[in-house]
């Protein structure tokens, strides 16, 4: 009986240590991913994306699309903040390890082509863009600045960290409503419900 108790205790310590190590590794890798995002290092960002993303568009196409978006003459997008706040316990399902990463993000969108227009046109455009962003992120997370013709958007959200033996290291997948079908095809329902309900 004493041997059995010792064995269980040792196993629990091992599992706890494994969980803690996983959590620290994921947090470090997720923060590296977000640091690449803040610095606009697109190759670094793409290296951390789940490879299944490239089934929808090739890596080259995705990079070109991101470059076009971030270097648009119409609008400047910059990340003010990308911080990992916490990481869930990791769980394994059919040989693949999953966890949820919670993060705070702050992004500024500046509408460059509107700056030289009459004030009324600027206001109308900014109001329209603000209502569009509010519909997606909520009014409490969107701040308009008429002087700089910009919106600042706070996004406190989650993403999945996935370690699949067929890929190198941890890969990340945004847990966004507009990507639900794609996320559901990669992350099993039992994993999604277990991890997201633990918070």
N, C-alpha and C. Protein backbone atom coordinates (compact mmCIF):
# COMPACT_ATOMS: atom_id res chain seq x y z
N UNK A 1 0.84 -1.21 0.00
CA UNK A 1 0.00 0.00 0.00
C UNK A 1 0.87 1.26 0.00
N UNK A 2 1.93 1.23 0.87
CA UNK A 2 2.82 2.38 0.93
C UNK A 2 3.50 2.60 -0.43
N UNK A 3 3.89 1.47 -1.07
CA UNK A 3 4.54 1.55 -2.38
C UNK A 3 3.59 2.18 -3.40
N UNK A 4 2.33 1.75 -3.37
CA UNK A 4 1.32 2.27 -4.30
C UNK A 4 1.12 3.78 -4.09
N UNK A 5 1.02 4.19 -2.82
CA UNK A 5 0.85 5.61 -2.50
C UNK A 5 2.05 6.43 -3.00
N UNK A 6 3.25 5.91 -2.78
CA UNK A 6 4.48 6.59 -3.22
C UNK A 6 4.49 6.71 -4.74
N UNK A 7 4.05 5.63 -5.40
CA UNK A 7 4.03 5.61 -6.86
C UNK A 7 3.07 6.68 -7.41
N UNK A 8 1.88 6.74 -6.83
CA UNK A 8 0.87 7.72 -7.26
C UNK A 8 1.39 9.14 -7.01
N UNK A 9 1.98 9.36 -5.83
CA UNK A 9 2.52 10.68 -5.48
C UNK A 9 3.62 11.10 -6.46
N UNK A 10 4.50 10.17 -6.79
CA UNK A 10 5.59 10.43 -7.74
C UNK A 10 5.03 10.76 -9.12
N UNK A 11 4.01 10.00 -9.51
CA UNK A 11 3.38 10.21 -10.82
C UNK A 11 2.74 11.60 -10.88
N UNK A 12 2.07 12.00 -9.80
CA UNK A 12 1.42 13.32 -9.77
C UNK A 12 2.45 14.44 -9.85
N UNK A 13 3.58 14.28 -9.16
CA UNK A 13 4.65 15.28 -9.21
C UNK A 13 5.21 15.36 -10.63
N UNK A 14 5.39 14.20 -11.28
CA UNK A 14 5.92 14.15 -12.65
C UNK A 14 4.97 14.85 -13.61
N UNK A 15 3.67 14.54 -13.49
CA UNK A 15 2.66 15.16 -14.36
C UNK A 15 2.64 16.67 -14.14
N UNK A 16 2.71 17.10 -12.86
CA UNK A 16 2.70 18.52 -12.54
C UNK A 16 3.92 19.22 -13.13
N UNK A 17 5.08 18.57 -13.02
CA UNK A 17 6.32 19.15 -13.57
C UNK A 17 6.23 19.24 -15.08
N UNK A 18 5.68 18.17 -15.70
CA UNK A 18 5.53 18.14 -17.16
C UNK A 18 4.61 19.27 -17.61
N UNK A 19 3.52 19.45 -16.85
CA UNK A 19 2.54 20.49 -17.18
C UNK A 19 3.16 21.88 -17.06
N UNK A 20 3.93 22.08 -15.97
CA UNK A 20 4.57 23.37 -15.74
C UNK A 20 5.60 23.67 -16.82
N UNK A 21 6.40 22.64 -17.19
CA UNK A 21 7.41 22.82 -18.24
C UNK A 21 6.74 23.16 -19.56
N UNK A 22 5.68 22.43 -19.88
CA UNK A 22 4.92 22.71 -21.10
C UNK A 22 4.42 24.14 -21.11
N UNK A 23 3.84 24.56 -19.99
CA UNK A 23 3.26 25.90 -19.90
C UNK A 23 4.33 26.97 -20.12
N UNK A 24 5.50 26.78 -19.49
CA UNK A 24 6.59 27.74 -19.64
C UNK A 24 7.11 27.77 -21.08
N UNK A 25 7.24 26.59 -21.69
CA UNK A 25 7.71 26.51 -23.09
C UNK A 25 6.73 27.21 -24.02
N UNK A 26 5.44 26.94 -23.83
CA UNK A 26 4.40 27.53 -24.68
C UNK A 26 4.39 29.04 -24.52
N UNK A 27 4.46 29.51 -23.28
CA UNK A 27 4.44 30.97 -23.04
C UNK A 27 5.62 31.64 -23.73
N UNK A 28 6.78 31.03 -23.62
CA UNK A 28 7.99 31.59 -24.25
C UNK A 28 7.84 31.63 -25.77
N UNK A 29 7.36 30.53 -26.36
CA UNK A 29 7.21 30.46 -27.82
C UNK A 29 6.10 31.39 -28.31
N UNK A 30 5.00 31.46 -27.55
CA UNK A 30 3.88 32.33 -27.93
C UNK A 30 4.31 33.80 -27.88
N UNK A 31 5.10 34.16 -26.86
CA UNK A 31 5.57 35.54 -26.77
C UNK A 31 6.52 35.86 -27.91
N UNK A 32 7.35 34.88 -28.30
CA UNK A 32 8.25 35.07 -29.45
C UNK A 32 7.43 35.32 -30.72
N UNK A 33 6.35 34.56 -30.86
CA UNK A 33 5.45 34.72 -32.01
C UNK A 33 4.86 36.14 -32.04
N UNK A 34 4.40 36.61 -30.87
CA UNK A 34 3.80 37.94 -30.81
C UNK A 34 4.84 39.04 -30.95
N UNK A 35 6.06 38.79 -30.49
CA UNK A 35 7.13 39.78 -30.69
C UNK A 35 7.43 39.94 -32.17
N UNK A 36 7.41 38.83 -32.90
CA UNK A 36 7.57 38.90 -34.36
C UNK A 36 6.44 39.73 -34.98
N UNK A 37 5.23 39.53 -34.46
CA UNK A 37 4.07 40.26 -34.96
C UNK A 37 4.24 41.76 -34.71
N UNK A 38 4.64 42.13 -33.50
CA UNK A 38 4.83 43.53 -33.14
C UNK A 38 5.90 44.18 -34.02
N UNK A 39 6.97 43.42 -34.28
CA UNK A 39 8.09 43.93 -35.09
C UNK A 39 7.83 43.82 -36.59
N UNK A 40 6.66 43.27 -36.96
CA UNK A 40 6.31 43.05 -38.36
C UNK A 40 7.32 42.14 -39.07
N UNK A 41 7.84 41.18 -38.33
CA UNK A 41 8.74 40.17 -38.92
C UNK A 41 7.84 39.05 -39.46
N UNK A 42 7.45 39.17 -40.71
CA UNK A 42 6.45 38.27 -41.27
C UNK A 42 6.95 36.84 -41.41
N UNK A 43 8.22 36.65 -41.73
CA UNK A 43 8.75 35.29 -41.82
C UNK A 43 8.70 34.61 -40.46
N UNK A 44 9.02 35.35 -39.41
CA UNK A 44 8.94 34.81 -38.05
C UNK A 44 7.52 34.43 -37.69
N UNK A 45 6.56 35.30 -38.05
CA UNK A 45 5.14 35.02 -37.80
C UNK A 45 4.71 33.75 -38.53
N UNK A 46 5.06 33.64 -39.79
CA UNK A 46 4.66 32.49 -40.61
C UNK A 46 5.29 31.20 -40.11
N UNK A 47 6.50 31.27 -39.57
CA UNK A 47 7.16 30.07 -39.03
C UNK A 47 6.36 29.46 -37.88
N UNK A 48 5.66 30.32 -37.12
CA UNK A 48 4.89 29.85 -35.97
C UNK A 48 3.45 29.49 -36.31
N UNK A 49 2.98 29.86 -37.49
CA UNK A 49 1.60 29.53 -37.87
C UNK A 49 1.45 28.03 -38.06
N UNK A 50 0.27 27.52 -37.74
CA UNK A 50 0.01 26.10 -37.98
C UNK A 50 0.10 25.84 -39.48
N UNK A 51 0.91 24.84 -39.90
CA UNK A 51 1.12 24.57 -41.34
C UNK A 51 -0.16 24.32 -42.14
N UNK A 52 -1.22 23.87 -41.47
CA UNK A 52 -2.48 23.65 -42.20
C UNK A 52 -3.06 24.95 -42.75
N UNK A 53 -2.62 26.08 -42.19
CA UNK A 53 -3.05 27.38 -42.71
C UNK A 53 -2.64 27.53 -44.17
N UNK A 54 -1.53 26.90 -44.53
CA UNK A 54 -1.02 27.05 -45.88
C UNK A 54 -1.73 26.13 -46.88
N UNK A 55 -2.73 25.38 -46.38
CA UNK A 55 -3.61 24.64 -47.30
C UNK A 55 -4.60 25.60 -47.95
N UNK A 56 -4.91 26.69 -47.25
CA UNK A 56 -5.85 27.68 -47.77
C UNK A 56 -5.16 28.61 -48.77
N UNK A 57 -3.93 28.95 -48.46
CA UNK A 57 -3.11 29.79 -49.36
C UNK A 57 -1.66 29.44 -49.05
N UNK A 58 -0.83 29.42 -50.08
CA UNK A 58 0.57 29.04 -49.87
C UNK A 58 1.24 30.06 -48.95
N UNK A 59 2.37 29.65 -48.38
CA UNK A 59 3.13 30.54 -47.51
C UNK A 59 3.48 31.84 -48.26
N UNK A 60 3.89 31.70 -49.50
CA UNK A 60 4.27 32.87 -50.31
C UNK A 60 3.07 33.80 -50.52
N UNK A 61 1.91 33.21 -50.81
CA UNK A 61 0.70 34.02 -51.01
C UNK A 61 0.30 34.72 -49.71
N UNK A 62 0.41 33.99 -48.60
CA UNK A 62 0.03 34.56 -47.32
C UNK A 62 0.97 35.72 -46.94
N UNK A 63 2.25 35.53 -47.20
CA UNK A 63 3.22 36.59 -46.90
C UNK A 63 2.95 37.82 -47.77
N UNK A 64 2.67 37.59 -49.05
CA UNK A 64 2.38 38.69 -49.97
C UNK A 64 1.13 39.45 -49.53
N UNK A 65 0.12 38.71 -49.08
CA UNK A 65 -1.11 39.34 -48.61
C UNK A 65 -0.87 40.18 -47.35
N UNK A 66 -0.06 39.65 -46.44
CA UNK A 66 0.26 40.37 -45.21
C UNK A 66 1.09 41.62 -45.52
N UNK A 67 2.04 41.49 -46.44
CA UNK A 67 2.85 42.65 -46.83
C UNK A 67 1.98 43.75 -47.44
N UNK A 68 1.04 43.32 -48.26
CA UNK A 68 0.13 44.27 -48.89
C UNK A 68 -0.72 44.99 -47.85
N UNK A 69 -1.18 44.23 -46.85
CA UNK A 69 -2.02 44.81 -45.81
C UNK A 69 -1.23 45.78 -44.93
N UNK A 70 -0.02 45.36 -44.53
CA UNK A 70 0.77 46.18 -43.61
C UNK A 70 1.48 47.34 -44.30
N UNK A 71 1.63 47.28 -45.62
CA UNK A 71 2.31 48.35 -46.34
C UNK A 71 1.36 49.13 -47.26
N UNK A 72 0.09 49.09 -46.93
CA UNK A 72 -0.91 49.76 -47.75
C UNK A 72 -0.75 51.27 -47.70
N UNK A 73 -0.82 51.95 -48.86
CA UNK A 73 -0.75 53.42 -48.85
C UNK A 73 -2.02 54.05 -48.27
N UNK A 74 -3.10 53.28 -48.20
CA UNK A 74 -4.36 53.79 -47.67
C UNK A 74 -4.44 53.76 -46.14
N UNK A 75 -3.81 52.73 -45.54
CA UNK A 75 -3.97 52.53 -44.11
C UNK A 75 -2.70 51.95 -43.50
N UNK A 76 -2.32 52.51 -42.36
CA UNK A 76 -1.14 52.01 -41.64
C UNK A 76 -1.63 51.20 -40.44
N UNK A 77 -1.14 49.96 -40.35
CA UNK A 77 -1.49 49.10 -39.22
C UNK A 77 -0.24 48.86 -38.39
N UNK A 78 -0.34 49.11 -37.10
CA UNK A 78 0.81 48.85 -36.23
C UNK A 78 0.32 48.24 -34.92
N UNK A 79 1.13 47.35 -34.37
CA UNK A 79 0.81 46.73 -33.09
C UNK A 79 1.53 47.49 -31.99
N UNK A 80 0.75 47.98 -31.03
CA UNK A 80 1.30 48.72 -29.90
C UNK A 80 1.71 47.73 -28.81
N UNK A 81 0.94 46.66 -28.70
CA UNK A 81 1.14 45.71 -27.62
C UNK A 81 0.69 44.32 -28.05
N UNK A 82 1.47 43.32 -27.70
CA UNK A 82 1.09 41.92 -27.87
C UNK A 82 1.70 41.16 -26.70
N UNK A 83 0.92 40.89 -25.67
CA UNK A 83 1.45 40.23 -24.48
C UNK A 83 0.68 38.96 -24.14
N UNK A 84 1.41 37.90 -23.88
CA UNK A 84 0.80 36.65 -23.40
C UNK A 84 0.52 36.83 -21.92
N UNK A 85 -0.72 36.60 -21.51
CA UNK A 85 -1.08 36.78 -20.10
C UNK A 85 -1.09 35.46 -19.33
N UNK A 86 -1.51 34.37 -19.98
CA UNK A 86 -1.50 33.07 -19.31
C UNK A 86 -1.62 31.94 -20.33
N UNK A 87 -1.31 30.74 -19.86
CA UNK A 87 -1.38 29.54 -20.69
C UNK A 87 -2.08 28.45 -19.89
N UNK A 88 -2.97 27.73 -20.52
CA UNK A 88 -3.69 26.65 -19.85
C UNK A 88 -2.77 25.44 -19.65
N UNK A 89 -3.25 24.46 -18.90
CA UNK A 89 -2.58 23.16 -18.87
C UNK A 89 -2.62 22.58 -20.27
N UNK A 90 -1.63 21.78 -20.59
CA UNK A 90 -1.62 21.11 -21.89
C UNK A 90 -2.30 19.75 -21.77
N UNK A 91 -3.03 19.35 -22.82
CA UNK A 91 -3.61 18.02 -22.85
C UNK A 91 -3.24 17.34 -24.16
N UNK A 92 -3.22 16.02 -24.12
CA UNK A 92 -2.83 15.26 -25.32
C UNK A 92 -4.02 14.48 -25.85
N UNK A 93 -4.16 14.50 -27.15
CA UNK A 93 -5.23 13.75 -27.80
C UNK A 93 -4.66 13.16 -29.09
N UNK A 94 -4.73 11.84 -29.20
CA UNK A 94 -4.21 11.09 -30.36
C UNK A 94 -2.79 11.52 -30.74
N UNK A 95 -1.94 11.64 -29.72
CA UNK A 95 -0.52 11.91 -29.96
C UNK A 95 -0.17 13.37 -30.20
N UNK A 96 -1.17 14.26 -30.18
CA UNK A 96 -0.93 15.68 -30.40
C UNK A 96 -1.23 16.44 -29.10
N UNK A 97 -0.35 17.37 -28.73
CA UNK A 97 -0.52 18.14 -27.50
C UNK A 97 -1.11 19.51 -27.81
N UNK A 98 -2.09 19.90 -26.99
CA UNK A 98 -2.80 21.17 -27.19
C UNK A 98 -2.81 21.98 -25.89
N UNK A 99 -2.84 23.30 -26.04
CA UNK A 99 -3.06 24.20 -24.90
C UNK A 99 -3.71 25.47 -25.45
N UNK A 100 -4.23 26.28 -24.53
CA UNK A 100 -4.81 27.56 -24.93
C UNK A 100 -3.94 28.68 -24.38
N UNK A 101 -3.65 29.64 -25.24
CA UNK A 101 -2.86 30.82 -24.87
C UNK A 101 -3.80 32.01 -24.78
N UNK A 102 -3.76 32.72 -23.64
CA UNK A 102 -4.55 33.93 -23.45
C UNK A 102 -3.62 35.13 -23.64
N UNK A 103 -4.08 36.12 -24.40
CA UNK A 103 -3.20 37.25 -24.69
C UNK A 103 -3.97 38.57 -24.76
N UNK A 104 -3.21 39.66 -24.55
CA UNK A 104 -3.73 41.02 -24.71
C UNK A 104 -3.03 41.63 -25.92
N UNK A 105 -3.82 42.23 -26.79
CA UNK A 105 -3.26 42.84 -27.98
C UNK A 105 -3.85 44.24 -28.16
N UNK A 106 -3.02 45.17 -28.60
CA UNK A 106 -3.49 46.52 -28.88
C UNK A 106 -2.94 46.93 -30.25
N UNK A 107 -3.83 47.33 -31.15
CA UNK A 107 -3.45 47.64 -32.53
C UNK A 107 -3.97 49.03 -32.90
N UNK A 108 -3.16 49.76 -33.68
CA UNK A 108 -3.59 51.07 -34.17
C UNK A 108 -3.75 51.02 -35.68
N UNK A 109 -4.89 51.50 -36.16
CA UNK A 109 -5.14 51.63 -37.59
C UNK A 109 -5.23 53.11 -37.91
N UNK A 110 -4.34 53.60 -38.77
CA UNK A 110 -4.34 55.01 -39.16
C UNK A 110 -4.74 55.12 -40.63
N UNK A 111 -5.74 55.94 -40.91
CA UNK A 111 -6.29 56.04 -42.25
C UNK A 111 -5.60 57.18 -43.01
N UNK A 112 -4.54 56.83 -43.70
CA UNK A 112 -3.64 57.80 -44.32
C UNK A 112 -4.30 58.65 -45.40
N UNK A 113 -5.09 58.04 -46.25
CA UNK A 113 -5.67 58.77 -47.39
C UNK A 113 -6.77 59.75 -46.97
N UNK A 114 -7.22 59.65 -45.70
CA UNK A 114 -8.31 60.53 -45.25
C UNK A 114 -7.79 61.82 -44.60
N UNK A 115 -6.51 61.86 -44.31
CA UNK A 115 -5.96 62.97 -43.52
C UNK A 115 -6.10 64.34 -44.18
N UNK A 116 -6.06 64.40 -45.49
CA UNK A 116 -6.12 65.69 -46.19
C UNK A 116 -7.53 66.07 -46.64
N UNK A 117 -8.49 65.26 -46.27
CA UNK A 117 -9.87 65.54 -46.68
C UNK A 117 -10.54 66.51 -45.72
N UNK A 118 -11.65 67.12 -46.13
CA UNK A 118 -12.37 68.04 -45.22
C UNK A 118 -12.78 67.34 -43.93
N UNK A 119 -12.88 68.11 -42.87
CA UNK A 119 -13.17 67.57 -41.53
C UNK A 119 -14.43 66.72 -41.51
N UNK A 120 -15.48 67.17 -42.18
CA UNK A 120 -16.74 66.43 -42.18
C UNK A 120 -16.57 65.04 -42.83
N UNK A 121 -15.81 65.00 -43.91
CA UNK A 121 -15.56 63.71 -44.58
C UNK A 121 -14.72 62.80 -43.69
N UNK A 122 -13.75 63.40 -43.01
CA UNK A 122 -12.92 62.62 -42.08
C UNK A 122 -13.79 62.01 -40.98
N UNK A 123 -14.65 62.84 -40.41
CA UNK A 123 -15.51 62.37 -39.32
C UNK A 123 -16.43 61.25 -39.79
N UNK A 124 -17.01 61.44 -40.97
CA UNK A 124 -17.93 60.43 -41.51
C UNK A 124 -17.20 59.10 -41.73
N UNK A 125 -15.99 59.17 -42.27
CA UNK A 125 -15.22 57.95 -42.54
C UNK A 125 -14.81 57.27 -41.24
N UNK A 126 -14.33 58.08 -40.30
CA UNK A 126 -13.89 57.52 -39.01
C UNK A 126 -15.06 56.88 -38.26
N UNK A 127 -16.23 57.53 -38.31
CA UNK A 127 -17.43 56.96 -37.66
C UNK A 127 -17.81 55.62 -38.28
N UNK A 128 -17.72 55.55 -39.61
CA UNK A 128 -18.06 54.31 -40.31
C UNK A 128 -17.09 53.18 -39.93
N UNK A 129 -15.79 53.49 -39.91
CA UNK A 129 -14.79 52.48 -39.55
C UNK A 129 -14.91 52.08 -38.08
N UNK A 130 -15.23 53.05 -37.24
CA UNK A 130 -15.40 52.75 -35.82
C UNK A 130 -16.56 51.79 -35.61
N UNK A 131 -17.68 52.04 -36.27
CA UNK A 131 -18.85 51.16 -36.10
C UNK A 131 -18.55 49.75 -36.63
N UNK A 132 -17.74 49.66 -37.69
CA UNK A 132 -17.36 48.35 -38.22
C UNK A 132 -16.53 47.58 -37.21
N UNK A 133 -15.56 48.27 -36.60
CA UNK A 133 -14.68 47.63 -35.61
C UNK A 133 -15.42 47.31 -34.31
N UNK A 134 -16.34 48.19 -33.93
CA UNK A 134 -17.14 47.96 -32.72
C UNK A 134 -17.97 46.69 -32.88
N UNK A 135 -18.52 46.48 -34.08
CA UNK A 135 -19.32 45.27 -34.34
C UNK A 135 -18.48 44.01 -34.15
N UNK A 136 -17.19 44.11 -34.43
CA UNK A 136 -16.32 42.94 -34.32
C UNK A 136 -15.70 42.79 -32.93
N UNK A 137 -15.30 43.92 -32.31
CA UNK A 137 -14.53 43.84 -31.06
C UNK A 137 -15.26 44.37 -29.83
N UNK A 138 -16.40 45.04 -30.03
CA UNK A 138 -17.13 45.62 -28.90
C UNK A 138 -16.74 47.07 -28.67
N UNK A 139 -17.71 47.88 -28.26
CA UNK A 139 -17.48 49.32 -28.11
C UNK A 139 -16.42 49.63 -27.06
N UNK A 140 -16.32 48.78 -26.03
CA UNK A 140 -15.34 49.04 -24.96
C UNK A 140 -13.91 48.82 -25.42
N UNK A 141 -13.74 48.20 -26.59
CA UNK A 141 -12.40 47.87 -27.07
C UNK A 141 -11.93 48.72 -28.25
N UNK A 142 -12.73 49.71 -28.63
CA UNK A 142 -12.38 50.54 -29.79
C UNK A 142 -12.38 52.01 -29.38
N UNK A 143 -11.26 52.70 -29.64
CA UNK A 143 -11.12 54.12 -29.33
C UNK A 143 -10.75 54.87 -30.59
N UNK A 144 -11.52 55.91 -30.90
CA UNK A 144 -11.26 56.72 -32.10
C UNK A 144 -10.48 57.97 -31.72
N UNK A 145 -9.55 58.35 -32.59
CA UNK A 145 -8.78 59.57 -32.40
C UNK A 145 -8.89 60.39 -33.69
N UNK A 146 -9.77 61.38 -33.68
CA UNK A 146 -10.03 62.18 -34.88
C UNK A 146 -8.81 62.99 -35.30
N UNK A 147 -8.01 63.41 -34.33
CA UNK A 147 -6.83 64.24 -34.62
C UNK A 147 -5.81 63.50 -35.49
N UNK A 148 -5.63 62.21 -35.20
CA UNK A 148 -4.65 61.41 -35.98
C UNK A 148 -5.33 60.52 -37.02
N UNK A 149 -6.65 60.60 -37.11
CA UNK A 149 -7.44 59.76 -38.02
C UNK A 149 -7.11 58.29 -37.81
N UNK A 150 -7.22 57.88 -36.57
CA UNK A 150 -6.87 56.49 -36.25
C UNK A 150 -7.84 55.87 -35.26
N UNK A 151 -7.82 54.54 -35.24
CA UNK A 151 -8.57 53.76 -34.26
C UNK A 151 -7.58 52.90 -33.50
N UNK A 152 -7.76 52.82 -32.20
CA UNK A 152 -6.96 51.90 -31.39
C UNK A 152 -7.89 50.79 -30.93
N UNK A 153 -7.48 49.55 -31.19
CA UNK A 153 -8.34 48.40 -30.91
C UNK A 153 -7.67 47.48 -29.90
N UNK A 154 -8.37 47.23 -28.80
CA UNK A 154 -7.91 46.27 -27.79
C UNK A 154 -8.55 44.93 -28.11
N UNK A 155 -7.73 43.89 -28.08
CA UNK A 155 -8.26 42.55 -28.37
C UNK A 155 -7.68 41.56 -27.37
N UNK A 156 -8.46 41.22 -26.36
CA UNK A 156 -8.04 40.22 -25.38
C UNK A 156 -8.68 38.91 -25.79
N UNK A 157 -7.87 38.00 -26.27
CA UNK A 157 -8.44 36.80 -26.88
C UNK A 157 -7.60 35.56 -26.59
N UNK A 158 -7.88 34.52 -27.36
CA UNK A 158 -7.18 33.24 -27.16
C UNK A 158 -6.71 32.67 -28.49
N UNK A 159 -5.72 31.82 -28.39
CA UNK A 159 -5.30 31.02 -29.54
C UNK A 159 -4.89 29.65 -29.04
N UNK A 160 -4.89 28.69 -29.93
CA UNK A 160 -4.47 27.34 -29.58
C UNK A 160 -2.99 27.16 -29.86
N UNK A 161 -2.28 26.55 -28.91
CA UNK A 161 -0.90 26.12 -29.12
C UNK A 161 -0.97 24.63 -29.41
N UNK A 162 -0.32 24.20 -30.47
CA UNK A 162 -0.43 22.80 -30.91
C UNK A 162 0.96 22.24 -31.18
N UNK A 163 1.24 21.09 -30.57
CA UNK A 163 2.52 20.41 -30.82
C UNK A 163 2.21 19.06 -31.45
N UNK A 164 2.42 19.00 -32.76
CA UNK A 164 2.15 17.81 -33.55
C UNK A 164 3.50 17.23 -33.97
N UNK A 165 3.73 15.93 -33.70
CA UNK A 165 5.03 15.33 -34.03
C UNK A 165 5.46 15.50 -35.48
N UNK A 166 4.50 15.71 -36.39
CA UNK A 166 4.89 15.85 -37.80
C UNK A 166 5.42 17.24 -38.14
N UNK A 167 5.32 18.18 -37.17
CA UNK A 167 5.85 19.53 -37.38
C UNK A 167 6.90 19.83 -36.31
N UNK A 168 7.71 20.85 -36.58
CA UNK A 168 8.79 21.20 -35.67
C UNK A 168 8.32 22.22 -34.63
N UNK A 169 8.28 21.83 -33.37
CA UNK A 169 7.96 22.76 -32.28
C UNK A 169 6.48 23.12 -32.19
N UNK A 170 6.20 24.11 -31.34
CA UNK A 170 4.82 24.58 -31.12
C UNK A 170 4.37 25.45 -32.27
N UNK A 171 3.13 25.23 -32.70
CA UNK A 171 2.50 26.04 -33.74
C UNK A 171 1.24 26.67 -33.14
N UNK A 172 0.83 27.80 -33.70
CA UNK A 172 -0.28 28.55 -33.12
C UNK A 172 -1.41 28.78 -34.12
N UNK A 173 -2.62 28.78 -33.56
CA UNK A 173 -3.82 28.91 -34.38
C UNK A 173 -4.81 29.82 -33.65
N UNK A 174 -5.14 30.94 -34.27
CA UNK A 174 -6.06 31.92 -33.64
C UNK A 174 -7.43 31.30 -33.41
N UNK A 175 -8.00 31.56 -32.26
CA UNK A 175 -9.33 31.06 -31.92
C UNK A 175 -10.34 32.17 -32.18
N UNK A 176 -10.57 32.46 -33.47
CA UNK A 176 -11.45 33.56 -33.87
C UNK A 176 -12.74 33.01 -34.46
N UNK A 177 -13.85 33.75 -34.25
CA UNK A 177 -15.16 33.30 -34.75
C UNK A 177 -15.16 33.10 -36.26
N UNK A 178 -14.48 34.01 -36.97
CA UNK A 178 -14.52 33.91 -38.43
C UNK A 178 -13.64 32.77 -38.97
N UNK A 179 -12.92 32.11 -38.06
CA UNK A 179 -12.10 30.95 -38.44
C UNK A 179 -12.60 29.67 -37.81
N UNK A 180 -13.80 29.71 -37.23
CA UNK A 180 -14.31 28.59 -36.43
C UNK A 180 -14.29 27.26 -37.18
N UNK A 181 -14.76 27.24 -38.43
CA UNK A 181 -14.82 25.99 -39.18
C UNK A 181 -13.43 25.41 -39.39
N UNK A 182 -12.47 26.29 -39.69
CA UNK A 182 -11.10 25.84 -39.90
C UNK A 182 -10.47 25.33 -38.60
N UNK A 183 -10.66 26.10 -37.52
CA UNK A 183 -10.13 25.70 -36.20
C UNK A 183 -10.72 24.36 -35.79
N UNK A 184 -12.03 24.21 -35.99
CA UNK A 184 -12.71 22.96 -35.60
C UNK A 184 -12.20 21.76 -36.38
N UNK A 185 -11.69 22.00 -37.59
CA UNK A 185 -11.17 20.89 -38.40
C UNK A 185 -9.80 20.43 -37.91
N UNK A 186 -9.14 21.27 -37.10
CA UNK A 186 -7.79 20.93 -36.61
C UNK A 186 -7.79 20.55 -35.14
N UNK A 187 -8.59 21.28 -34.34
CA UNK A 187 -8.63 21.03 -32.90
C UNK A 187 -9.89 20.24 -32.57
N UNK A 188 -9.76 19.00 -32.07
CA UNK A 188 -10.94 18.17 -31.77
C UNK A 188 -11.87 18.85 -30.76
N UNK A 189 -13.15 18.56 -30.88
CA UNK A 189 -14.16 19.18 -30.01
C UNK A 189 -13.86 18.93 -28.54
N UNK A 190 -13.46 17.70 -28.20
CA UNK A 190 -13.18 17.37 -26.80
C UNK A 190 -12.05 18.24 -26.25
N UNK A 191 -11.09 18.57 -27.09
CA UNK A 191 -9.97 19.43 -26.68
C UNK A 191 -10.45 20.86 -26.50
N UNK A 192 -11.23 21.35 -27.45
CA UNK A 192 -11.74 22.72 -27.38
C UNK A 192 -12.57 22.94 -26.12
N UNK A 193 -13.51 22.04 -25.88
CA UNK A 193 -14.39 22.22 -24.73
C UNK A 193 -13.63 22.06 -23.41
N UNK A 194 -12.74 21.08 -23.34
CA UNK A 194 -11.99 20.84 -22.11
C UNK A 194 -11.10 22.04 -21.77
N UNK A 195 -10.36 22.53 -22.74
CA UNK A 195 -9.42 23.62 -22.47
C UNK A 195 -10.12 24.95 -22.25
N UNK A 196 -11.11 25.27 -23.04
CA UNK A 196 -11.76 26.58 -22.94
C UNK A 196 -12.68 26.69 -21.74
N UNK A 197 -13.16 25.55 -21.24
CA UNK A 197 -14.05 25.59 -20.07
C UNK A 197 -13.27 25.63 -18.76
N UNK A 198 -11.95 25.40 -18.82
CA UNK A 198 -11.15 25.39 -17.60
C UNK A 198 -10.82 26.76 -17.07
N UNK A 199 -10.89 27.77 -17.95
CA UNK A 199 -10.49 29.13 -17.56
C UNK A 199 -11.42 29.66 -16.48
